N, C-alpha and C. Protein backbone atom coordinates (compact mmCIF):
# COMPACT_ATOMS: atom_id res chain seq x y z
N MET A 1 0.83 -1.18 0.00
CA MET A 1 -0.01 -0.01 -0.01
C MET A 1 0.88 1.25 0.01
N SER A 2 0.38 2.28 -0.62
CA SER A 2 1.08 3.56 -0.59
C SER A 2 0.84 4.23 0.77
N ALA A 3 1.50 5.31 1.02
CA ALA A 3 1.29 6.05 2.26
C ALA A 3 -0.14 6.56 2.38
N ASP A 4 -0.81 6.76 1.22
CA ASP A 4 -2.20 7.22 1.21
C ASP A 4 -3.20 6.08 1.23
N GLY A 5 -2.72 4.82 1.23
CA GLY A 5 -3.58 3.66 1.35
C GLY A 5 -4.04 3.04 0.06
N TRP A 6 -3.46 3.43 -1.08
CA TRP A 6 -3.84 2.83 -2.36
C TRP A 6 -2.96 1.63 -2.66
N PRO A 7 -3.53 0.57 -3.25
CA PRO A 7 -2.73 -0.62 -3.59
C PRO A 7 -1.62 -0.29 -4.58
N THR A 8 -0.42 -0.78 -4.28
CA THR A 8 0.75 -0.54 -5.15
C THR A 8 1.43 -1.82 -5.55
N GLY A 9 0.92 -2.97 -5.16
CA GLY A 9 1.54 -4.24 -5.55
C GLY A 9 1.41 -5.25 -4.43
N VAL A 10 1.91 -6.43 -4.70
CA VAL A 10 1.83 -7.50 -3.71
C VAL A 10 3.21 -7.93 -3.22
N GLY A 11 4.27 -7.36 -3.77
CA GLY A 11 5.63 -7.76 -3.41
C GLY A 11 6.33 -6.80 -2.49
N GLY A 12 5.61 -5.92 -1.84
CA GLY A 12 6.22 -5.00 -0.89
C GLY A 12 6.45 -3.60 -1.42
N ASN A 13 6.10 -3.32 -2.67
CA ASN A 13 6.27 -1.98 -3.20
C ASN A 13 5.33 -1.01 -2.49
N THR A 14 5.85 0.09 -1.99
CA THR A 14 5.03 1.12 -1.36
C THR A 14 5.12 2.45 -2.10
N ASP A 15 5.85 2.48 -3.20
CA ASP A 15 6.03 3.72 -3.97
C ASP A 15 5.12 3.71 -5.19
N PRO A 16 4.05 4.51 -5.15
CA PRO A 16 3.10 4.49 -6.26
C PRO A 16 3.69 5.02 -7.57
N THR A 17 4.77 5.77 -7.51
CA THR A 17 5.36 6.32 -8.74
C THR A 17 6.33 5.34 -9.38
N ALA A 18 6.51 4.17 -8.79
CA ALA A 18 7.45 3.18 -9.32
C ALA A 18 6.75 1.89 -9.75
N MET A 19 5.56 2.00 -10.30
CA MET A 19 4.83 0.82 -10.72
C MET A 19 5.47 0.25 -11.97
N SER A 20 5.53 -1.08 -12.04
CA SER A 20 6.03 -1.77 -13.23
C SER A 20 4.87 -2.59 -13.80
N ALA A 21 5.03 -3.04 -15.03
CA ALA A 21 3.96 -3.86 -15.63
C ALA A 21 3.73 -5.13 -14.81
N THR A 22 4.81 -5.71 -14.29
CA THR A 22 4.66 -6.94 -13.48
C THR A 22 3.93 -6.63 -12.18
N GLU A 23 4.24 -5.49 -11.54
CA GLU A 23 3.53 -5.08 -10.32
C GLU A 23 2.04 -4.92 -10.63
N CYS A 24 1.75 -4.27 -11.75
CA CYS A 24 0.35 -4.04 -12.14
C CYS A 24 -0.36 -5.35 -12.40
N GLN A 25 0.30 -6.29 -13.07
CA GLN A 25 -0.28 -7.60 -13.33
C GLN A 25 -0.57 -8.33 -12.03
N ASN A 26 0.39 -8.34 -11.13
CA ASN A 26 0.21 -9.03 -9.85
C ASN A 26 -0.88 -8.37 -9.01
N LEU A 27 -1.00 -7.06 -9.10
CA LEU A 27 -2.05 -6.36 -8.38
C LEU A 27 -3.44 -6.78 -8.92
N TRP A 28 -3.56 -6.84 -10.23
CA TRP A 28 -4.82 -7.32 -10.88
C TRP A 28 -5.18 -8.70 -10.37
N LEU A 29 -4.19 -9.60 -10.41
CA LEU A 29 -4.44 -10.99 -10.00
C LEU A 29 -4.82 -11.09 -8.53
N ALA A 30 -4.27 -10.24 -7.71
CA ALA A 30 -4.57 -10.27 -6.25
C ALA A 30 -5.93 -9.67 -5.94
N LEU A 31 -6.36 -8.69 -6.70
CA LEU A 31 -7.60 -7.98 -6.39
C LEU A 31 -8.83 -8.58 -7.03
N MET A 32 -8.66 -9.24 -8.16
CA MET A 32 -9.81 -9.77 -8.90
C MET A 32 -10.20 -11.16 -8.38
N GLN A 33 -11.43 -11.53 -8.63
CA GLN A 33 -11.92 -12.84 -8.23
C GLN A 33 -11.32 -13.91 -9.13
N SER A 34 -11.50 -15.15 -8.73
CA SER A 34 -10.84 -16.29 -9.43
C SER A 34 -11.23 -16.43 -10.89
N ASN A 35 -12.40 -15.99 -11.29
CA ASN A 35 -12.81 -16.13 -12.69
C ASN A 35 -12.68 -14.78 -13.44
N ALA A 36 -11.77 -13.93 -12.98
CA ALA A 36 -11.57 -12.62 -13.59
C ALA A 36 -10.95 -12.74 -14.99
N PRO A 37 -11.07 -11.72 -15.81
CA PRO A 37 -10.40 -11.70 -17.11
C PRO A 37 -8.91 -11.91 -16.95
N THR A 38 -8.30 -12.54 -17.93
CA THR A 38 -6.86 -12.78 -17.87
C THR A 38 -6.06 -11.54 -18.23
N VAL A 39 -4.84 -11.46 -17.70
CA VAL A 39 -3.97 -10.30 -17.95
C VAL A 39 -2.53 -10.79 -18.06
N ALA A 40 -1.77 -10.15 -18.95
CA ALA A 40 -0.36 -10.48 -19.12
C ALA A 40 0.41 -9.21 -19.44
N THR A 41 1.72 -9.25 -19.30
CA THR A 41 2.56 -8.10 -19.59
C THR A 41 2.93 -7.99 -21.07
N SER A 42 2.65 -9.02 -21.84
CA SER A 42 2.92 -8.97 -23.28
C SER A 42 2.03 -9.97 -24.00
N GLY A 43 1.91 -9.78 -25.30
CA GLY A 43 1.11 -10.68 -26.11
C GLY A 43 -0.34 -10.26 -26.18
N ASP A 44 -1.08 -10.93 -27.03
CA ASP A 44 -2.49 -10.57 -27.19
C ASP A 44 -3.41 -11.79 -27.07
N THR A 45 -2.93 -12.83 -26.41
CA THR A 45 -3.76 -14.02 -26.24
C THR A 45 -4.57 -13.99 -24.93
N THR A 46 -4.36 -12.95 -24.12
CA THR A 46 -5.12 -12.79 -22.89
C THR A 46 -6.19 -11.70 -23.11
N ASP A 47 -7.07 -11.60 -22.14
CA ASP A 47 -8.11 -10.56 -22.24
C ASP A 47 -7.53 -9.15 -22.22
N TYR A 48 -6.53 -8.94 -21.35
CA TYR A 48 -5.89 -7.64 -21.21
C TYR A 48 -4.37 -7.74 -21.25
N THR A 49 -3.73 -6.73 -21.81
CA THR A 49 -2.28 -6.58 -21.74
C THR A 49 -2.01 -5.35 -20.89
N VAL A 50 -1.10 -5.49 -19.92
CA VAL A 50 -0.84 -4.42 -18.99
C VAL A 50 0.49 -3.74 -19.27
N THR A 51 0.50 -2.40 -19.16
CA THR A 51 1.72 -1.62 -19.22
C THR A 51 1.71 -0.66 -18.02
N ALA A 52 2.85 -0.11 -17.71
CA ALA A 52 2.93 0.83 -16.60
C ALA A 52 3.77 2.03 -17.01
N SER A 53 3.38 3.19 -16.48
CA SER A 53 4.13 4.41 -16.69
C SER A 53 3.98 5.26 -15.44
N GLY A 54 5.09 5.39 -14.69
CA GLY A 54 5.02 6.13 -13.44
C GLY A 54 4.10 5.45 -12.46
N SER A 55 3.01 6.12 -12.09
CA SER A 55 2.05 5.55 -11.13
C SER A 55 0.83 4.94 -11.81
N VAL A 56 0.79 4.95 -13.14
CA VAL A 56 -0.41 4.51 -13.87
C VAL A 56 -0.22 3.13 -14.49
N CYS A 57 -1.14 2.24 -14.15
CA CYS A 57 -1.23 0.91 -14.79
C CYS A 57 -2.31 1.02 -15.86
N THR A 58 -2.01 0.60 -17.08
CA THR A 58 -2.98 0.61 -18.16
C THR A 58 -3.21 -0.81 -18.61
N TYR A 59 -4.47 -1.24 -18.52
CA TYR A 59 -4.89 -2.58 -18.91
C TYR A 59 -5.65 -2.47 -20.22
N GLU A 60 -5.00 -2.79 -21.32
CA GLU A 60 -5.59 -2.64 -22.65
C GLU A 60 -6.38 -3.91 -23.01
N TYR A 61 -7.61 -3.72 -23.41
CA TYR A 61 -8.48 -4.84 -23.76
C TYR A 61 -8.12 -5.36 -25.14
N ASN A 62 -7.82 -6.66 -25.25
CA ASN A 62 -7.33 -7.24 -26.49
C ASN A 62 -8.41 -7.85 -27.36
N LEU A 63 -9.56 -8.15 -26.83
CA LEU A 63 -10.51 -9.00 -27.56
C LEU A 63 -11.36 -8.31 -28.59
N ASN A 64 -11.36 -7.00 -28.64
CA ASN A 64 -12.20 -6.33 -29.67
C ASN A 64 -11.38 -5.60 -30.71
N GLY A 65 -10.05 -5.69 -30.60
CA GLY A 65 -9.18 -5.06 -31.60
C GLY A 65 -9.15 -3.55 -31.52
N GLY A 66 -9.78 -2.98 -30.52
CA GLY A 66 -9.85 -1.53 -30.38
C GLY A 66 -8.82 -0.99 -29.40
N THR A 67 -9.12 0.15 -28.88
CA THR A 67 -8.21 0.80 -27.95
C THR A 67 -8.86 1.01 -26.59
N ASP A 68 -9.77 0.15 -26.23
CA ASP A 68 -10.45 0.24 -24.93
C ASP A 68 -9.45 -0.17 -23.85
N ASN A 69 -9.51 0.52 -22.69
CA ASN A 69 -8.61 0.17 -21.62
C ASN A 69 -9.14 0.62 -20.28
N ILE A 70 -8.51 0.11 -19.25
CA ILE A 70 -8.76 0.54 -17.88
C ILE A 70 -7.45 1.06 -17.35
N GLN A 71 -7.49 2.27 -16.74
CA GLN A 71 -6.28 2.84 -16.17
C GLN A 71 -6.45 2.98 -14.67
N TYR A 72 -5.44 2.56 -13.93
CA TYR A 72 -5.44 2.67 -12.48
C TYR A 72 -4.23 3.51 -12.07
N ASP A 73 -4.49 4.60 -11.35
CA ASP A 73 -3.41 5.46 -10.87
C ASP A 73 -3.15 5.11 -9.39
N ALA A 74 -2.02 4.48 -9.14
CA ALA A 74 -1.69 4.05 -7.78
C ALA A 74 -1.35 5.22 -6.87
N ASP A 75 -1.12 6.40 -7.41
CA ASP A 75 -0.83 7.58 -6.61
C ASP A 75 -2.10 8.22 -6.06
N SER A 76 -3.17 8.24 -6.87
CA SER A 76 -4.42 8.88 -6.44
C SER A 76 -5.55 7.90 -6.16
N GLY A 77 -5.38 6.64 -6.60
CA GLY A 77 -6.45 5.64 -6.44
C GLY A 77 -7.51 5.73 -7.53
N GLU A 78 -7.34 6.66 -8.46
CA GLU A 78 -8.32 6.87 -9.52
C GLU A 78 -8.32 5.74 -10.54
N VAL A 79 -9.49 5.30 -10.94
CA VAL A 79 -9.67 4.28 -11.99
C VAL A 79 -10.45 4.96 -13.11
N ILE A 80 -9.92 4.87 -14.32
CA ILE A 80 -10.54 5.47 -15.50
C ILE A 80 -10.79 4.38 -16.51
N ARG A 81 -11.96 4.34 -17.08
CA ARG A 81 -12.31 3.40 -18.11
C ARG A 81 -12.41 4.17 -19.42
N VAL A 82 -11.65 3.72 -20.41
CA VAL A 82 -11.64 4.38 -21.74
C VAL A 82 -12.28 3.42 -22.74
N ILE A 83 -13.44 3.81 -23.25
CA ILE A 83 -14.15 3.00 -24.24
C ILE A 83 -14.19 3.80 -25.54
N ASN A 84 -13.60 3.25 -26.59
CA ASN A 84 -13.57 3.93 -27.90
C ASN A 84 -14.46 3.22 -28.89
């Protein structure tokens, strides 16, 4: 958890500005239920592909060929859904 109480990973990371794609993937897996959509750090055979930039995890939806995504900001706790 960050100092403000937002999830930042499962491996002990407490710095929301240092999120990695692997941290974001592990966070997804820890927070979602067992039948949640699949996520990976590369490839397009899963439901979502995750990338990270600073404090923002971006989960890009792979199954419709578009640019839909979910963004999670570990610094503010904000979740944004982008549907195109």
